[in-house]
Every structure is written in C-alpha cells, then in structure tokens.
C-alpha cells in the first residue's frame, strides 16, 4: 500500500477513529494523540496492509488498544466501557463510515455533473476559503448574487445526493 493511499484512508476515517478512541479515553486531546500514534504506526507498517479494509480494521483495533493502554497508565482502568459496549460502538462507527463513504461518492458524482463555472465557485469558496466579498470582486458579481448562487448550488447538490443515495438503496 502506498504511503499516500494509507494516509488518505486514515485521514478519511479520522472522525470515526477519534470517536472510537474518545469512547475509551474520554478526553478529546488524548483521543487525537491516539489517532496520531495509530497513523505513525501504520506508516511504519504500511507494507503489511494489502488493502484499505485491512488497514481500517487494524486501525480501529489499534486505536482501541492504545486508548486502553493510555487509560491503564493513568490509573483509570475502571472508567473504561465494557468490551461489549466498545464492540457495539465500533459497529455503529463502521456503519456511519460506510454511510459517509456512500454520501461522499454521491457528492463526487453530483459535482462532476455541475457546469465548470459552478465547480469553480465551489472550489474558490470551500477549497480556497474565499469569502463572499472577495468572490464577488474576483468574479465581478454582486455579493448577493454570489450568496444566491451558493445557496442554489447547495440545494441542487443536496437534491442530487439524496436522489443518488435513494437509487443506490433501491438497487
């Protein structure tokens, strides 16, 4: 597995991995530390992973175990959720990850259908972080027109994504 694929896969799964670690350590900063440690260990072991599924399964277990180790070192072992509760949480996080992945795929497909001008506006706003006033100046439109265009794009994307997900559910 390439380093780039490994890092992108773990960054995509970051919210679920951090949430799983947080369930164990019950501290947001400690959960982030656990995620960073999982990422570093995965990079050192990247030749061991043949596919993304194996990597993510390993990462979930590693995050849980690292969190348990952290709690144990802090002398708070009695505060850890039961194994059954952690397994249930893992299953819910995995389901949420699958739903998020399907939603992102639907969004990519919907984005591809947009006219280039619309994709450019979205890219400038969200990828480049430009605000309405700057967008209006750069695109030689009123600020109100920019916000109206963004609002219409959000509505169109929401509708397209929901339709794609509904079609996928029917298939």
C-alpha atoms as a PDB file:
ATOM      1  CA  UNK A   1       0.000   0.000   0.000  1.00  0.00           C
ATOM      2  CA  UNK A   2       1.382   3.384  -0.913  1.00  0.00           C
ATOM      3  CA  UNK A   3       2.050   5.962   1.762  1.00  0.00           C
ATOM      4  CA  UNK A   4      -0.356   8.376   0.074  1.00  0.00           C
ATOM      5  CA  UNK A   5      -3.215   5.854   0.000  1.00  0.00           C
ATOM      6  CA  UNK A   6      -2.569   4.876   3.609  1.00  0.00           C
ATOM      7  CA  UNK A   7      -2.560   8.469   4.850  1.00  0.00           C
ATOM      8  CA  UNK A   8      -5.639   9.427   2.815  1.00  0.00           C
ATOM      9  CA  UNK A   9      -7.541   6.373   4.050  1.00  0.00           C
ATOM     10  CA  UNK A  10      -6.716   7.087   7.683  1.00  0.00           C
ATOM     11  CA  UNK A  11      -7.499  10.790   7.327  1.00  0.00           C
ATOM     12  CA  UNK A  12     -10.873   9.927   5.775  1.00  0.00           C
ATOM     13  CA  UNK A  13     -11.538   7.571   8.702  1.00  0.00           C
ATOM     14  CA  UNK A  14     -10.186  10.058  11.268  1.00  0.00           C
ATOM     15  CA  UNK A  15     -13.570  11.146  12.705  1.00  0.00           C
ATOM     16  CA  UNK A  16     -14.566   7.527  13.374  1.00  0.00           C
ATOM     17  CA  UNK A  17     -11.155   6.551  14.752  1.00  0.00           C
ATOM     18  CA  UNK A  18     -11.005   9.576  17.047  1.00  0.00           C
ATOM     19  CA  UNK A  19     -14.588   8.942  18.187  1.00  0.00           C
ATOM     20  CA  UNK A  20     -13.704   5.325  18.979  1.00  0.00           C
ATOM     21  CA  UNK A  21     -10.618   6.408  20.908  1.00  0.00           C
ATOM     22  CA  UNK A  22     -12.628   9.087  22.714  1.00  0.00           C
ATOM     23  CA  UNK A  23     -15.110   6.453  23.879  1.00  0.00           C
ATOM     24  CA  UNK A  24     -12.200   4.753  25.636  1.00  0.00           C
ATOM     25  CA  UNK A  25     -10.089   7.661  26.908  1.00  0.00           C
ATOM     26  CA  UNK A  26     -12.901  10.221  27.358  1.00  0.00           C
ATOM     27  CA  UNK A  27     -10.630  13.124  26.547  1.00  0.00           C
ATOM     28  CA  UNK A  28     -10.573  14.866  23.158  1.00  0.00           C
ATOM     29  CA  UNK A  29      -6.850  15.673  23.237  1.00  0.00           C
ATOM     30  CA  UNK A  30      -5.938  12.155  24.306  1.00  0.00           C
ATOM     31  CA  UNK A  31      -8.141  10.737  21.533  1.00  0.00           C
ATOM     32  CA  UNK A  32      -6.293  12.891  18.987  1.00  0.00           C
ATOM     33  CA  UNK A  33      -2.982  11.638  20.408  1.00  0.00           C
ATOM     34  CA  UNK A  34      -4.206   8.070  19.948  1.00  0.00           C
ATOM     35  CA  UNK A  35      -5.124   8.789  16.320  1.00  0.00           C
ATOM     36  CA  UNK A  36      -1.706  10.310  15.634  1.00  0.00           C
ATOM     37  CA  UNK A  37       0.005   7.287  17.163  1.00  0.00           C
ATOM     38  CA  UNK A  38      -2.120   4.952  15.013  1.00  0.00           C
ATOM     39  CA  UNK A  39      -1.153   6.952  11.932  1.00  0.00           C
ATOM     40  CA  UNK A  40       2.566   6.793  12.785  1.00  0.00           C
ATOM     41  CA  UNK A  41       2.435   3.057  13.475  1.00  0.00           C
ATOM     42  CA  UNK A  42       0.511   2.428  10.269  1.00  0.00           C
ATOM     43  CA  UNK A  43       3.133   4.318   8.270  1.00  0.00           C
ATOM     44  CA  UNK A  44       5.887   2.174   9.792  1.00  0.00           C
ATOM     45  CA  UNK A  45       3.903  -0.977   8.958  1.00  0.00           C
ATOM     46  CA  UNK A  46       2.469   0.100   5.595  1.00  0.00           C
ATOM     47  CA  UNK A  47       3.897  -2.905   3.741  1.00  0.00           C
ATOM     48  CA  UNK A  48       1.712  -5.117   5.960  1.00  0.00           C
ATOM     49  CA  UNK A  49      -1.537  -3.755   4.557  1.00  0.00           C
ATOM     50  CA  UNK A  50      -2.792  -5.137   1.290  1.00  0.00           C
ATOM     51  CA  UNK A  51      -5.998  -3.109   1.119  1.00  0.00           C
ATOM     52  CA  UNK A  52      -7.902  -0.289   2.750  1.00  0.00           C
ATOM     53  CA  UNK A  53     -10.321  -2.617   4.538  1.00  0.00           C
ATOM     54  CA  UNK A  54      -7.499  -4.397   6.340  1.00  0.00           C
ATOM     55  CA  UNK A  55      -5.849  -1.109   7.230  1.00  0.00           C
ATOM     56  CA  UNK A  56      -9.035   0.354   8.698  1.00  0.00           C
ATOM     57  CA  UNK A  57      -9.851  -2.793  10.670  1.00  0.00           C
ATOM     58  CA  UNK A  58      -6.318  -2.761  12.113  1.00  0.00           C
ATOM     59  CA  UNK A  59      -6.594   0.982  12.856  1.00  0.00           C
ATOM     60  CA  UNK A  60      -9.872   0.571  14.789  1.00  0.00           C
ATOM     61  CA  UNK A  61      -8.445  -2.205  16.966  1.00  0.00           C
ATOM     62  CA  UNK A  62      -5.175  -0.334  17.439  1.00  0.00           C
ATOM     63  CA  UNK A  63      -6.932   2.876  18.452  1.00  0.00           C
ATOM     64  CA  UNK A  64      -8.984   0.975  20.996  1.00  0.00           C
ATOM     65  CA  UNK A  65      -5.969  -0.844  22.412  1.00  0.00           C
ATOM     66  CA  UNK A  66      -3.821   2.290  22.545  1.00  0.00           C
ATOM     67  CA  UNK A  67      -6.652   4.081  24.322  1.00  0.00           C
ATOM     68  CA  UNK A  68      -6.957   1.263  26.854  1.00  0.00           C
ATOM     69  CA  UNK A  69      -3.191   1.374  27.438  1.00  0.00           C
ATOM     70  CA  UNK A  70      -3.379   5.139  27.980  1.00  0.00           C
ATOM     71  CA  UNK A  71      -6.217   4.789  30.491  1.00  0.00           C
ATOM     72  CA  UNK A  72      -4.390   1.952  32.253  1.00  0.00           C
ATOM     73  CA  UNK A  73      -1.226   4.092  32.596  1.00  0.00           C
ATOM     74  CA  UNK A  74      -3.342   6.908  34.050  1.00  0.00           C
ATOM     75  CA  UNK A  75      -4.782   4.511  36.629  1.00  0.00           C
ATOM     76  CA  UNK A  76      -8.345   4.964  35.353  1.00  0.00           C
ATOM     77  CA  UNK A  77      -8.982   1.429  34.116  1.00  0.00           C
ATOM     78  CA  UNK A  78     -12.305   1.225  35.954  1.00  0.00           C
ATOM     79  CA  UNK A  79     -13.635   4.037  33.772  1.00  0.00           C
ATOM     80  CA  UNK A  80     -13.374   2.096  30.502  1.00  0.00           C
ATOM     81  CA  UNK A  81     -16.563   0.975  28.814  1.00  0.00           C
ATOM     82  CA  UNK A  82     -17.155  -2.776  28.722  1.00  0.00           C
ATOM     83  CA  UNK A  83     -15.846  -4.789  25.760  1.00  0.00           C
ATOM     84  CA  UNK A  84     -19.454  -5.339  24.678  1.00  0.00           C
ATOM     85  CA  UNK A  85     -20.143  -1.599  24.670  1.00  0.00           C
ATOM     86  CA  UNK A  86     -16.919  -0.912  22.765  1.00  0.00           C
ATOM     87  CA  UNK A  87     -17.802  -3.592  20.188  1.00  0.00           C
ATOM     88  CA  UNK A  88     -21.252  -2.051  19.747  1.00  0.00           C
ATOM     89  CA  UNK A  89     -19.700   1.385  19.335  1.00  0.00           C
ATOM     90  CA  UNK A  90     -17.230   0.037  16.753  1.00  0.00           C
ATOM     91  CA  UNK A  91     -20.113  -1.435  14.760  1.00  0.00           C
ATOM     92  CA  UNK A  92     -22.024   1.861  14.833  1.00  0.00           C
ATOM     93  CA  UNK A  93     -18.946   3.832  13.806  1.00  0.00           C
ATOM     94  CA  UNK A  94     -18.313   1.414  10.941  1.00  0.00           C
ATOM     95  CA  UNK A  95     -21.922   1.817   9.753  1.00  0.00           C
ATOM     96  CA  UNK A  96     -21.544   5.601   9.970  1.00  0.00           C
ATOM     97  CA  UNK A  97     -18.311   5.365   7.990  1.00  0.00           C
ATOM     98  CA  UNK A  98     -19.991   3.337   5.246  1.00  0.00           C
ATOM     99  CA  UNK A  99     -22.827   5.857   5.048  1.00  0.00           C
ATOM    100  CA  UNK A 100     -20.350   8.739   4.931  1.00  0.00           C
ATOM    101  CA  UNK A 101     -18.358   6.995   2.182  1.00  0.00           C
ATOM    102  CA  UNK A 102     -21.533   6.457   0.086  1.00  0.00           C
ATOM    103  CA  UNK A 103     -22.539  10.084   0.615  1.00  0.00           C
ATOM    104  CA  UNK A 104     -19.086  11.326  -0.470  1.00  0.00           C
ATOM    105  CA  UNK A 105     -19.204   9.148  -3.603  1.00  0.00           C
ATOM    106  CA  UNK A 106     -22.649  10.522  -4.425  1.00  0.00           C
ATOM    107  CA  UNK A 107     -21.384  14.065  -3.889  1.00  0.00           C
ATOM    108  CA  UNK A 108     -18.417  13.493  -6.212  1.00  0.00           C
ATOM    109  CA  UNK A 109     -20.767  12.229  -8.908  1.00  0.00           C
ATOM    110  CA  UNK A 110     -23.061  15.212  -8.446  1.00  0.00           C
ATOM    111  CA  UNK A 111     -20.130  17.639  -8.534  1.00  0.00           C
ATOM    112  CA  UNK A 112     -18.995  16.172 -11.862  1.00  0.00           C
ATOM    113  CA  UNK A 113     -22.412  16.972 -13.354  1.00  0.00           C
ATOM    114  CA  UNK A 114     -22.191  20.653 -12.424  1.00  0.00           C
ATOM    115  CA  UNK A 115     -21.114  23.225 -15.008  1.00  0.00           C
ATOM    116  CA  UNK A 116     -17.463  24.265 -14.758  1.00  0.00           C
ATOM    117  CA  UNK A 117     -18.436  27.754 -13.567  1.00  0.00           C
ATOM    118  CA  UNK A 118     -20.340  26.265 -10.617  1.00  0.00           C
ATOM    119  CA  UNK A 119     -17.481  23.919  -9.724  1.00  0.00           C
ATOM    120  CA  UNK A 120     -15.085  26.866  -9.854  1.00  0.00           C
ATOM    121  CA  UNK A 121     -17.271  28.898  -7.491  1.00  0.00           C
ATOM    122  CA  UNK A 122     -17.468  25.992  -5.024  1.00  0.00           C
ATOM    123  CA  UNK A 123     -13.727  25.354  -5.269  1.00  0.00           C
ATOM    124  CA  UNK A 124     -12.920  29.020  -4.633  1.00  0.00           C
ATOM    125  CA  UNK A 125     -15.313  29.171  -1.682  1.00  0.00           C
ATOM    126  CA  UNK A 126     -14.535  25.898   0.074  1.00  0.00           C
ATOM    127  CA  UNK A 127     -11.125  24.693  -1.101  1.00  0.00           C
ATOM    128  CA  UNK A 128      -9.533  28.135  -1.148  1.00  0.00           C
ATOM    129  CA  UNK A 129     -11.622  29.535   1.730  1.00  0.00           C
ATOM    130  CA  UNK A 130     -12.560  32.748  -0.039  1.00  0.00           C
ATOM    131  CA  UNK A 131     -15.404  34.779   1.466  1.00  0.00           C
ATOM    132  CA  UNK A 132     -18.390  36.324  -0.314  1.00  0.00           C
ATOM    133  CA  UNK A 133     -16.941  39.800  -0.684  1.00  0.00           C
ATOM    134  CA  UNK A 134     -13.729  38.502  -2.253  1.00  0.00           C
ATOM    135  CA  UNK A 135     -15.627  36.110  -4.529  1.00  0.00           C
ATOM    136  CA  UNK A 136     -17.861  38.957  -5.705  1.00  0.00           C
ATOM    137  CA  UNK A 137     -14.837  41.092  -6.548  1.00  0.00           C
ATOM    138  CA  UNK A 138     -12.974  38.276  -8.325  1.00  0.00           C
ATOM    139  CA  UNK A 139     -15.989  37.076 -10.292  1.00  0.00           C
ATOM    140  CA  UNK A 140     -17.317  40.586 -10.943  1.00  0.00           C
ATOM    141  CA  UNK A 141     -20.719  39.842  -9.441  1.00  0.00           C
ATOM    142  CA  UNK A 142     -22.576  41.290  -6.509  1.00  0.00           C
ATOM    143  CA  UNK A 143     -22.098  39.699  -3.136  1.00  0.00           C
ATOM    144  CA  UNK A 144     -25.835  38.947  -3.042  1.00  0.00           C
ATOM    145  CA  UNK A 145     -25.533  37.136  -6.384  1.00  0.00           C
ATOM    146  CA  UNK A 146     -22.648  35.063  -5.035  1.00  0.00           C
ATOM    147  CA  UNK A 147     -24.612  34.010  -1.938  1.00  0.00           C
ATOM    148  CA  UNK A 148     -27.692  33.257  -4.046  1.00  0.00           C
ATOM    149  CA  UNK A 149     -25.607  31.117  -6.413  1.00  0.00           C
ATOM    150  CA  UNK A 150     -24.042  29.237  -3.495  1.00  0.00           C
ATOM    151  CA  UNK A 151     -27.465  28.674  -1.953  1.00  0.00           C
ATOM    152  CA  UNK A 152     -28.822  27.290  -5.226  1.00  0.00           C
ATOM    153  CA  UNK A 153     -25.772  25.064  -5.636  1.00  0.00           C
ATOM    154  CA  UNK A 154     -26.216  23.704  -2.099  1.00  0.00           C
ATOM    155  CA  UNK A 155     -29.866  22.914  -2.825  1.00  0.00           C
ATOM    156  CA  UNK A 156     -29.058  21.267  -6.155  1.00  0.00           C
ATOM    157  CA  UNK A 157     -26.274  19.189  -4.629  1.00  0.00           C
ATOM    158  CA  UNK A 158     -28.448  18.139  -1.688  1.00  0.00           C
ATOM    159  CA  UNK A 159     -31.199  17.014  -4.069  1.00  0.00           C
ATOM    160  CA  UNK A 160     -28.780  15.188  -6.374  1.00  0.00           C
ATOM    161  CA  UNK A 161     -27.034  13.428  -3.477  1.00  0.00           C
ATOM    162  CA  UNK A 162     -30.324  12.328  -1.932  1.00  0.00           C
ATOM    163  CA  UNK A 163     -31.551  11.033  -5.293  1.00  0.00           C
ATOM    164  CA  UNK A 164     -28.330   9.080  -5.873  1.00  0.00           C
ATOM    165  CA  UNK A 165     -28.483   7.579  -2.388  1.00  0.00           C
ATOM    166  CA  UNK A 166     -32.150   6.652  -2.889  1.00  0.00           C
ATOM    167  CA  UNK A 167     -31.309   4.987  -6.228  1.00  0.00           C
ATOM    168  CA  UNK A 168     -28.459   3.124  -4.565  1.00  0.00           C
ATOM    169  CA  UNK A 169     -30.812   1.956  -1.810  1.00  0.00           C
ATOM    170  CA  UNK A 170     -33.297   0.712  -4.396  1.00  0.00           C
ATOM    171  CA  UNK A 171     -30.640  -1.193  -6.335  1.00  0.00           C
END
